[in-house]
Amino acid sequence: YGAYAKKDGACSSQSSPKAEAPAAPQGAAESGGLQTTASPSWPSRSGPLQARCVSANDSNARLRAEKMKEAGSEAFARGDFAAALTAWSEAADLATSSGDGKLWEAARANAALAELRRENWVAVEALTTEVLERNAKHEKARYRRGLAREALGDLNGARNDLIRTLSLNFLNVE
């Protein structure tokens, strides 16, 4: 099998035109990947061709997610928190579609930091709780949720989060 790449909504082999898959119907590849559930108009396929194409699409989504994460960091450094939030939200969506959980966590934790700077405590608590549901040992999310809970008046919740942060890594000086 040659290298497979997405071309006009379908996977195709760059080394052999005979291996080209049929084009997906309009809308089947809206999310940047192939439709994976069976439907009357475009049934699921499995095999090396699909696996290679999905892998290429995942890699493309991951690269786009990394670029969006970097764009968010640049906007944050300029103090443009709204643009940073938009970029990090897009990065999280792309990371999810590529299956990169660590990149998703980083994008969501960064979004929580931007909301923290805007003092949007409800959003900080929601974002960090979302991260902590996937990774209970995420130190920055735990710490930021503790700060948000303190600001919201949930002193017991804040205390628990901050103590848990210290127990995860007592050497972290953030």
N, C-alpha and C. Protein backbone atom coordinates (compact mmCIF):
# COMPACT_ATOMS: atom_id res chain seq x y z
N TYR A 1 0.83 -1.19 0.00
CA TYR A 1 0.00 0.00 0.00
C TYR A 1 0.86 1.24 0.00
N GLY A 2 0.48 2.20 -0.78
CA GLY A 2 1.21 3.46 -0.84
C GLY A 2 0.74 4.39 0.25
N ALA A 3 1.20 5.61 0.22
CA ALA A 3 0.76 6.62 1.18
C ALA A 3 -0.62 7.10 0.76
N TYR A 4 -1.53 7.18 1.68
CA TYR A 4 -2.90 7.60 1.38
C TYR A 4 -3.12 9.01 1.87
N ALA A 5 -3.87 9.76 1.11
CA ALA A 5 -4.17 11.13 1.48
C ALA A 5 -5.61 11.45 1.12
N LYS A 6 -6.19 12.38 1.82
CA LYS A 6 -7.55 12.81 1.55
C LYS A 6 -7.53 13.68 0.30
N LYS A 7 -8.43 13.37 -0.63
CA LYS A 7 -8.50 14.14 -1.86
C LYS A 7 -9.96 14.31 -2.23
N ASP A 8 -10.46 15.55 -2.19
CA ASP A 8 -11.84 15.84 -2.57
C ASP A 8 -12.84 14.98 -1.82
N GLY A 9 -12.66 14.82 -0.50
CA GLY A 9 -13.62 14.09 0.32
C GLY A 9 -13.46 12.59 0.29
N ALA A 10 -12.43 12.06 -0.38
CA ALA A 10 -12.25 10.62 -0.43
C ALA A 10 -10.79 10.29 -0.17
N CYS A 11 -10.53 9.06 0.18
CA CYS A 11 -9.16 8.61 0.35
C CYS A 11 -8.67 8.12 -0.99
N SER A 12 -7.43 8.39 -1.27
CA SER A 12 -6.86 7.87 -2.50
C SER A 12 -5.41 7.51 -2.26
N SER A 13 -4.94 6.60 -3.04
CA SER A 13 -3.55 6.20 -2.97
C SER A 13 -2.74 7.15 -3.83
N GLN A 14 -1.65 7.63 -3.30
CA GLN A 14 -0.79 8.50 -4.09
C GLN A 14 0.11 7.68 -5.01
N SER A 15 0.19 6.36 -4.77
CA SER A 15 1.08 5.56 -5.58
C SER A 15 0.35 4.73 -6.62
N SER A 16 -0.95 4.54 -6.48
CA SER A 16 -1.67 3.70 -7.42
C SER A 16 -3.07 4.22 -7.63
N PRO A 17 -3.39 4.72 -8.83
CA PRO A 17 -4.73 5.22 -9.07
C PRO A 17 -5.78 4.14 -8.99
N LYS A 18 -5.41 2.87 -9.15
CA LYS A 18 -6.37 1.77 -9.07
C LYS A 18 -6.94 1.63 -7.66
N ALA A 19 -6.19 2.04 -6.64
CA ALA A 19 -6.62 1.86 -5.25
C ALA A 19 -7.52 2.98 -4.78
N GLU A 20 -7.85 3.92 -5.66
CA GLU A 20 -8.65 5.07 -5.26
C GLU A 20 -10.04 4.64 -4.82
N ALA A 21 -10.49 5.19 -3.72
CA ALA A 21 -11.81 4.88 -3.18
C ALA A 21 -12.83 5.76 -3.88
N PRO A 22 -14.09 5.33 -3.92
CA PRO A 22 -15.11 6.19 -4.52
C PRO A 22 -15.29 7.46 -3.71
N ALA A 23 -15.66 8.50 -4.39
CA ALA A 23 -15.85 9.79 -3.71
C ALA A 23 -17.04 9.70 -2.78
N ALA A 24 -16.91 10.32 -1.62
CA ALA A 24 -18.00 10.35 -0.65
C ALA A 24 -19.09 11.27 -1.15
N PRO A 25 -20.35 10.96 -0.84
CA PRO A 25 -21.41 11.86 -1.23
C PRO A 25 -21.27 13.20 -0.52
N GLN A 26 -21.90 14.23 -1.07
CA GLN A 26 -21.84 15.56 -0.49
C GLN A 26 -22.20 15.51 0.98
N GLY A 27 -21.37 16.08 1.84
CA GLY A 27 -21.64 16.15 3.28
C GLY A 27 -21.10 14.98 4.06
N ALA A 28 -20.61 13.93 3.41
CA ALA A 28 -20.12 12.77 4.14
C ALA A 28 -18.81 13.05 4.84
N ALA A 29 -18.07 14.04 4.38
CA ALA A 29 -16.78 14.32 4.98
C ALA A 29 -16.74 15.73 5.56
N GLU A 30 -17.87 16.21 6.07
CA GLU A 30 -17.94 17.58 6.58
C GLU A 30 -16.97 17.85 7.70
N SER A 31 -16.70 16.85 8.54
CA SER A 31 -15.83 17.08 9.69
C SER A 31 -14.37 16.86 9.33
N GLY A 32 -14.07 16.72 8.05
CA GLY A 32 -12.68 16.53 7.66
C GLY A 32 -12.28 15.07 7.63
N GLY A 33 -13.18 14.16 7.85
CA GLY A 33 -12.86 12.74 7.83
C GLY A 33 -13.97 11.97 7.16
N LEU A 34 -13.78 10.70 7.04
CA LEU A 34 -14.80 9.86 6.42
C LEU A 34 -15.93 9.60 7.40
N GLN A 35 -17.10 9.38 6.88
CA GLN A 35 -18.23 8.99 7.70
C GLN A 35 -17.94 7.58 8.21
N THR A 36 -18.12 7.35 9.50
CA THR A 36 -17.74 6.06 10.05
C THR A 36 -18.91 5.19 10.42
N THR A 37 -20.11 5.71 10.38
CA THR A 37 -21.26 4.89 10.70
C THR A 37 -21.98 4.52 9.41
N ALA A 38 -22.61 3.36 9.44
CA ALA A 38 -23.28 2.88 8.24
C ALA A 38 -24.50 3.73 7.94
N SER A 39 -24.75 3.99 6.67
CA SER A 39 -25.95 4.69 6.24
C SER A 39 -26.31 4.16 4.87
N PRO A 40 -27.55 4.30 4.44
CA PRO A 40 -27.93 3.78 3.14
C PRO A 40 -27.12 4.38 1.99
N SER A 41 -26.70 5.65 2.10
CA SER A 41 -26.02 6.29 0.99
C SER A 41 -24.50 6.08 1.01
N TRP A 42 -23.91 5.84 2.16
CA TRP A 42 -22.46 5.70 2.25
C TRP A 42 -22.13 4.71 3.35
N PRO A 43 -22.08 3.42 3.03
CA PRO A 43 -21.84 2.41 4.06
C PRO A 43 -20.43 2.48 4.62
N SER A 44 -20.28 2.02 5.85
CA SER A 44 -18.96 1.96 6.45
C SER A 44 -18.11 0.97 5.69
N ARG A 45 -16.81 1.29 5.61
CA ARG A 45 -15.87 0.37 4.99
C ARG A 45 -14.77 0.13 5.99
N SER A 46 -14.16 -0.99 5.89
CA SER A 46 -13.01 -1.26 6.73
C SER A 46 -11.92 -1.83 5.87
N GLY A 47 -10.74 -1.86 6.39
CA GLY A 47 -9.62 -2.40 5.64
C GLY A 47 -8.48 -1.42 5.62
N PRO A 48 -7.39 -1.80 4.95
CA PRO A 48 -6.18 -0.98 4.96
C PRO A 48 -6.38 0.41 4.38
N LEU A 49 -7.18 0.51 3.30
CA LEU A 49 -7.38 1.82 2.68
C LEU A 49 -8.02 2.78 3.66
N GLN A 50 -9.11 2.36 4.30
CA GLN A 50 -9.79 3.23 5.26
C GLN A 50 -8.88 3.53 6.44
N ALA A 51 -8.19 2.54 6.95
CA ALA A 51 -7.33 2.76 8.12
C ALA A 51 -6.25 3.78 7.81
N ARG A 52 -5.65 3.70 6.62
CA ARG A 52 -4.61 4.65 6.25
C ARG A 52 -5.18 6.06 6.12
N CYS A 53 -6.36 6.16 5.52
CA CYS A 53 -6.97 7.47 5.32
C CYS A 53 -7.36 8.10 6.65
N VAL A 54 -7.98 7.31 7.52
CA VAL A 54 -8.36 7.83 8.84
C VAL A 54 -7.12 8.30 9.57
N SER A 55 -6.04 7.54 9.48
CA SER A 55 -4.79 7.92 10.13
C SER A 55 -4.27 9.24 9.56
N ALA A 56 -4.33 9.40 8.23
CA ALA A 56 -3.88 10.64 7.61
C ALA A 56 -4.76 11.81 8.04
N ASN A 57 -6.07 11.59 8.12
CA ASN A 57 -6.99 12.65 8.55
C ASN A 57 -6.76 13.01 10.00
N ASP A 58 -6.51 12.00 10.85
CA ASP A 58 -6.23 12.26 12.25
C ASP A 58 -4.96 13.09 12.39
N SER A 59 -3.95 12.75 11.61
CA SER A 59 -2.70 13.48 11.67
C SER A 59 -2.90 14.93 11.23
N ASN A 60 -3.68 15.13 10.19
CA ASN A 60 -3.98 16.47 9.69
C ASN A 60 -4.73 17.28 10.76
N ALA A 61 -5.71 16.66 11.38
CA ALA A 61 -6.47 17.35 12.44
C ALA A 61 -5.55 17.69 13.61
N ARG A 62 -4.64 16.79 13.95
CA ARG A 62 -3.72 17.05 15.05
C ARG A 62 -2.81 18.22 14.73
N LEU A 63 -2.29 18.27 13.50
CA LEU A 63 -1.44 19.40 13.10
C LEU A 63 -2.20 20.71 13.15
N ARG A 64 -3.44 20.70 12.68
CA ARG A 64 -4.26 21.92 12.73
C ARG A 64 -4.54 22.30 14.18
N ALA A 65 -4.76 21.30 15.03
CA ALA A 65 -5.01 21.57 16.45
C ALA A 65 -3.79 22.22 17.10
N GLU A 66 -2.61 21.71 16.78
CA GLU A 66 -1.38 22.30 17.33
C GLU A 66 -1.21 23.75 16.87
N LYS A 67 -1.53 24.02 15.60
CA LYS A 67 -1.43 25.39 15.09
C LYS A 67 -2.43 26.31 15.79
N MET A 68 -3.63 25.82 16.01
CA MET A 68 -4.64 26.63 16.70
C MET A 68 -4.24 26.86 18.16
N LYS A 69 -3.65 25.86 18.79
CA LYS A 69 -3.19 26.03 20.17
C LYS A 69 -2.11 27.11 20.23
N GLU A 70 -1.19 27.08 19.27
CA GLU A 70 -0.14 28.10 19.21
C GLU A 70 -0.74 29.48 18.93
N ALA A 71 -1.72 29.56 18.04
CA ALA A 71 -2.38 30.84 17.76
C ALA A 71 -3.06 31.37 19.02
N GLY A 72 -3.64 30.49 19.80
CA GLY A 72 -4.25 30.89 21.07
C GLY A 72 -3.22 31.42 22.03
N SER A 73 -2.07 30.77 22.09
CA SER A 73 -0.99 31.23 22.97
C SER A 73 -0.49 32.62 22.57
N GLU A 74 -0.38 32.84 21.26
CA GLU A 74 0.05 34.16 20.78
C GLU A 74 -0.98 35.23 21.12
N ALA A 75 -2.26 34.93 20.93
CA ALA A 75 -3.32 35.89 21.27
C ALA A 75 -3.32 36.16 22.77
N PHE A 76 -3.13 35.13 23.57
CA PHE A 76 -3.09 35.29 25.03
C PHE A 76 -1.93 36.21 25.43
N ALA A 77 -0.78 36.00 24.81
CA ALA A 77 0.38 36.84 25.12
C ALA A 77 0.13 38.30 24.78
N ARG A 78 -0.69 38.56 23.76
CA ARG A 78 -1.05 39.94 23.39
C ARG A 78 -2.13 40.51 24.29
N GLY A 79 -2.73 39.65 25.13
CA GLY A 79 -3.82 40.09 25.99
C GLY A 79 -5.18 40.00 25.33
N ASP A 80 -5.26 39.37 24.17
CA ASP A 80 -6.52 39.20 23.45
C ASP A 80 -7.14 37.87 23.88
N PHE A 81 -7.80 37.90 25.04
CA PHE A 81 -8.32 36.67 25.63
C PHE A 81 -9.46 36.07 24.82
N ALA A 82 -10.28 36.90 24.19
CA ALA A 82 -11.38 36.38 23.38
C ALA A 82 -10.84 35.59 22.19
N ALA A 83 -9.83 36.12 21.51
CA ALA A 83 -9.23 35.41 20.38
C ALA A 83 -8.54 34.13 20.86
N ALA A 84 -7.91 34.20 22.01
CA ALA A 84 -7.25 33.01 22.56
C ALA A 84 -8.28 31.92 22.85
N LEU A 85 -9.40 32.32 23.45
CA LEU A 85 -10.46 31.34 23.75
C LEU A 85 -11.01 30.70 22.49
N THR A 86 -11.20 31.50 21.45
CA THR A 86 -11.70 30.97 20.18
C THR A 86 -10.71 29.97 19.60
N ALA A 87 -9.44 30.32 19.58
CA ALA A 87 -8.41 29.43 19.02
C ALA A 87 -8.29 28.15 19.84
N TRP A 88 -8.31 28.27 21.17
CA TRP A 88 -8.17 27.08 22.01
C TRP A 88 -9.41 26.19 21.93
N SER A 89 -10.56 26.77 21.72
CA SER A 89 -11.77 25.97 21.54
C SER A 89 -11.67 25.16 20.25
N GLU A 90 -11.21 25.80 19.18
CA GLU A 90 -11.01 25.10 17.91
C GLU A 90 -9.95 24.01 18.06
N ALA A 91 -8.88 24.33 18.77
CA ALA A 91 -7.82 23.34 19.00
C ALA A 91 -8.37 22.13 19.75
N ALA A 92 -9.20 22.36 20.75
CA ALA A 92 -9.78 21.25 21.52
C ALA A 92 -10.67 20.39 20.63
N ASP A 93 -11.48 21.02 19.77
CA ASP A 93 -12.34 20.27 18.86
C ASP A 93 -11.51 19.42 17.91
N LEU A 94 -10.47 20.00 17.35
CA LEU A 94 -9.61 19.25 16.42
C LEU A 94 -8.85 18.14 17.13
N ALA A 95 -8.41 18.42 18.36
CA ALA A 95 -7.72 17.38 19.13
C ALA A 95 -8.65 16.21 19.42
N THR A 96 -9.91 16.51 19.70
CA THR A 96 -10.89 15.45 19.93
C THR A 96 -11.07 14.61 18.68
N SER A 97 -11.19 15.27 17.52
CA SER A 97 -11.39 14.51 16.28
C SER A 97 -10.17 13.70 15.91
N SER A 98 -8.98 14.11 16.36
CA SER A 98 -7.77 13.35 16.06
C SER A 98 -7.46 12.32 17.14
N GLY A 99 -8.21 12.36 18.24
CA GLY A 99 -8.00 11.40 19.32
C GLY A 99 -6.82 11.74 20.21
N ASP A 100 -6.36 12.98 20.21
CA ASP A 100 -5.22 13.39 21.02
C ASP A 100 -5.72 13.98 22.34
N GLY A 101 -5.83 13.15 23.35
CA GLY A 101 -6.34 13.57 24.64
C GLY A 101 -5.45 14.58 25.35
N LYS A 102 -4.14 14.44 25.24
CA LYS A 102 -3.23 15.38 25.91
C LYS A 102 -3.34 16.78 25.31
N LEU A 103 -3.45 16.85 24.00
CA LEU A 103 -3.59 18.14 23.34
C LEU A 103 -4.93 18.77 23.71
N TRP A 104 -5.98 17.95 23.80
CA TRP A 104 -7.29 18.45 24.22
C TRP A 104 -7.19 19.03 25.64
N GLU A 105 -6.54 18.28 26.55
CA GLU A 105 -6.39 18.76 27.93
C GLU A 105 -5.66 20.10 27.97
N ALA A 106 -4.59 20.21 27.19
CA ALA A 106 -3.80 21.45 27.19
C ALA A 106 -4.64 22.62 26.67
N ALA A 107 -5.40 22.39 25.62
CA ALA A 107 -6.23 23.46 25.06
C ALA A 107 -7.31 23.89 26.05
N ARG A 108 -7.95 22.94 26.71
CA ARG A 108 -9.01 23.27 27.67
C ARG A 108 -8.42 23.94 28.92
N ALA A 109 -7.27 23.47 29.38
CA ALA A 109 -6.63 24.10 30.54
C ALA A 109 -6.20 25.52 30.22
N ASN A 110 -5.72 25.74 28.98
CA ASN A 110 -5.36 27.10 28.56
C ASN A 110 -6.59 28.00 28.51
N ALA A 111 -7.69 27.45 28.02
CA ALA A 111 -8.94 28.23 27.98
C ALA A 111 -9.36 28.61 29.40
N ALA A 112 -9.17 27.70 30.34
CA ALA A 112 -9.49 28.01 31.74
C ALA A 112 -8.61 29.15 32.26
N LEU A 113 -7.34 29.17 31.84
CA LEU A 113 -6.45 30.27 32.26
C LEU A 113 -6.93 31.60 31.70
N ALA A 114 -7.36 31.61 30.44
CA ALA A 114 -7.87 32.85 29.85
C ALA A 114 -9.12 33.32 30.59
N GLU A 115 -10.00 32.40 30.91
CA GLU A 115 -11.21 32.77 31.66
C GLU A 115 -10.85 33.23 33.07
N LEU A 116 -9.81 32.65 33.64
CA LEU A 116 -9.34 33.08 34.96
C LEU A 116 -8.86 34.53 34.89
N ARG A 117 -8.12 34.88 33.85
CA ARG A 117 -7.66 36.25 33.68
C ARG A 117 -8.81 37.22 33.49
N ARG A 118 -9.89 36.73 32.88
CA ARG A 118 -11.10 37.56 32.69
C ARG A 118 -11.99 37.53 33.93
N GLU A 119 -11.59 36.75 34.92
CA GLU A 119 -12.33 36.58 36.17
C GLU A 119 -13.74 36.04 35.92
N ASN A 120 -13.86 35.18 34.95
CA ASN A 120 -15.12 34.49 34.66
C ASN A 120 -15.07 33.16 35.41
N TRP A 121 -15.36 33.23 36.70
CA TRP A 121 -15.15 32.11 37.61
C TRP A 121 -16.02 30.90 37.29
N VAL A 122 -17.23 31.13 36.84
CA VAL A 122 -18.12 30.01 36.50
C VAL A 122 -17.52 29.23 35.32
N ALA A 123 -17.03 29.95 34.32
CA ALA A 123 -16.41 29.28 33.17
C ALA A 123 -15.13 28.55 33.57
N VAL A 124 -14.34 29.16 34.45
CA VAL A 124 -13.11 28.50 34.92
C VAL A 124 -13.47 27.18 35.60
N GLU A 125 -14.45 27.23 36.48
CA GLU A 125 -14.83 26.00 37.18
C GLU A 125 -15.34 24.94 36.20
N ALA A 126 -16.14 25.34 35.23
CA ALA A 126 -16.68 24.38 34.26
C ALA A 126 -15.57 23.77 33.39
N LEU A 127 -14.68 24.60 32.88
CA LEU A 127 -13.59 24.10 32.03
C LEU A 127 -12.65 23.17 32.78
N THR A 128 -12.29 23.57 33.99
CA THR A 128 -11.36 22.73 34.75
C THR A 128 -12.01 21.43 35.21
N THR A 129 -13.29 21.49 35.53
CA THR A 129 -14.00 20.26 35.90
C THR A 129 -14.03 19.30 34.71
N GLU A 130 -14.23 19.84 33.53
CA GLU A 130 -14.22 19.03 32.31
C GLU A 130 -12.86 18.33 32.13
N VAL A 131 -11.78 19.07 32.34
CA VAL A 131 -10.44 18.49 32.23
C VAL A 131 -10.24 17.43 33.31
N LEU A 132 -10.66 17.74 34.53
CA LEU A 132 -10.45 16.82 35.64
C LEU A 132 -11.28 15.54 35.51
N GLU A 133 -12.39 15.60 34.80
CA GLU A 133 -13.17 14.39 34.56
C GLU A 133 -12.40 13.41 33.69
N ARG A 134 -11.54 13.92 32.84
CA ARG A 134 -10.71 13.06 31.98
C ARG A 134 -9.38 12.72 32.61
N ASN A 135 -8.86 13.63 33.43
CA ASN A 135 -7.55 13.41 34.04
C ASN A 135 -7.56 14.04 35.44
N ALA A 136 -7.86 13.24 36.42
CA ALA A 136 -7.99 13.73 37.80
C ALA A 136 -6.67 14.23 38.38
N LYS A 137 -5.55 13.93 37.73
CA LYS A 137 -4.24 14.36 38.22
C LYS A 137 -3.69 15.58 37.49
N HIS A 138 -4.52 16.28 36.74
CA HIS A 138 -4.08 17.48 36.02
C HIS A 138 -3.91 18.61 37.04
N GLU A 139 -2.67 18.91 37.37
CA GLU A 139 -2.36 19.86 38.44
C GLU A 139 -2.89 21.27 38.18
N LYS A 140 -2.65 21.78 36.98
CA LYS A 140 -3.07 23.15 36.68
C LYS A 140 -4.58 23.28 36.72
N ALA A 141 -5.28 22.30 36.19
CA ALA A 141 -6.74 22.35 36.23
C ALA A 141 -7.25 22.29 37.67
N ARG A 142 -6.65 21.44 38.48
CA ARG A 142 -7.07 21.32 39.89
C ARG A 142 -6.82 22.65 40.61
N TYR A 143 -5.66 23.24 40.41
CA TYR A 143 -5.31 24.51 41.06
C TYR A 143 -6.25 25.63 40.61
N ARG A 144 -6.47 25.73 39.30
CA ARG A 144 -7.34 26.79 38.78
C ARG A 144 -8.78 26.61 39.24
N ARG A 145 -9.23 25.38 39.35
CA ARG A 145 -10.58 25.15 39.85
C ARG A 145 -10.66 25.56 41.32
N GLY A 146 -9.61 25.31 42.06
CA GLY A 146 -9.58 25.76 43.46
C GLY A 146 -9.70 27.27 43.57
N LEU A 147 -8.98 27.99 42.71
CA LEU A 147 -9.07 29.46 42.71
C LEU A 147 -10.48 29.92 42.34
N ALA A 148 -11.07 29.27 41.33
CA ALA A 148 -12.43 29.64 40.90
C ALA A 148 -13.43 29.37 42.01
N ARG A 149 -13.30 28.23 42.66
CA ARG A 149 -14.24 27.90 43.74
C ARG A 149 -14.11 28.87 44.90
N GLU A 150 -12.89 29.29 45.19
CA GLU A 150 -12.70 30.29 46.25
C GLU A 150 -13.41 31.58 45.88
N ALA A 151 -13.23 32.03 44.64
CA ALA A 151 -13.86 33.27 44.19
C ALA A 151 -15.38 33.16 44.18
N LEU A 152 -15.90 31.96 43.93
CA LEU A 152 -17.34 31.73 43.92
C LEU A 152 -17.93 31.50 45.31
N GLY A 153 -17.06 31.46 46.31
CA GLY A 153 -17.53 31.29 47.69
C GLY A 153 -17.63 29.85 48.13
N ASP A 154 -17.21 28.91 47.32
CA ASP A 154 -17.22 27.49 47.69
C ASP A 154 -15.89 27.18 48.38
N LEU A 155 -15.79 27.58 49.64
CA LEU A 155 -14.51 27.47 50.34
C LEU A 155 -14.12 26.03 50.63
N ASN A 156 -15.09 25.16 50.91
CA ASN A 156 -14.76 23.75 51.12
C ASN A 156 -14.24 23.11 49.83
N GLY A 157 -14.91 23.39 48.71
CA GLY A 157 -14.45 22.87 47.43
C GLY A 157 -13.08 23.40 47.07
N ALA A 158 -12.85 24.69 47.32
CA ALA A 158 -11.56 25.30 47.04
C ALA A 158 -10.47 24.64 47.90
N ARG A 159 -10.77 24.48 49.17
CA ARG A 159 -9.81 23.86 50.09
C ARG A 159 -9.45 22.46 49.61
N ASN A 160 -10.46 21.67 49.25
CA ASN A 160 -10.21 20.30 48.79
C ASN A 160 -9.35 20.28 47.53
N ASP A 161 -9.66 21.17 46.57
CA ASP A 161 -8.88 21.22 45.34
C ASP A 161 -7.44 21.63 45.60
N LEU A 162 -7.25 22.64 46.44
CA LEU A 162 -5.89 23.13 46.68
C LEU A 162 -5.06 22.12 47.49
N ILE A 163 -5.68 21.44 48.42
CA ILE A 163 -4.97 20.38 49.15
C ILE A 163 -4.62 19.24 48.21
N ARG A 164 -5.55 18.88 47.34
CA ARG A 164 -5.29 17.81 46.36
C ARG A 164 -4.16 18.23 45.42
N THR A 165 -4.11 19.50 45.03
CA THR A 165 -3.03 19.99 44.17
C THR A 165 -1.69 19.80 44.85
N LEU A 166 -1.63 20.17 46.12
CA LEU A 166 -0.39 20.00 46.87
C LEU A 166 0.00 18.53 47.01
N SER A 167 -1.01 17.67 47.18
CA SER A 167 -0.68 16.24 47.32
C SER A 167 -0.20 15.63 46.01
N LEU A 168 -0.62 16.20 44.87
CA LEU A 168 -0.18 15.70 43.58
C LEU A 168 1.29 16.04 43.33
N ASN A 169 1.69 17.25 43.73
CA ASN A 169 3.07 17.69 43.49
C ASN A 169 3.37 18.87 44.42
N PHE A 170 3.88 18.58 45.57
CA PHE A 170 4.13 19.64 46.55
C PHE A 170 5.29 20.55 46.14
N LEU A 171 6.05 20.19 45.13
CA LEU A 171 7.14 21.03 44.65
C LEU A 171 6.72 22.04 43.60
N ASN A 172 5.49 21.95 43.09
CA ASN A 172 5.01 22.87 42.07
C ASN A 172 4.78 24.24 42.72
N VAL A 173 5.46 25.25 42.22
CA VAL A 173 5.37 26.58 42.83
C VAL A 173 4.40 27.50 42.12
N GLU A 174 3.67 26.99 41.11
CA GLU A 174 2.71 27.84 40.39
C GLU A 174 1.69 28.39 41.31
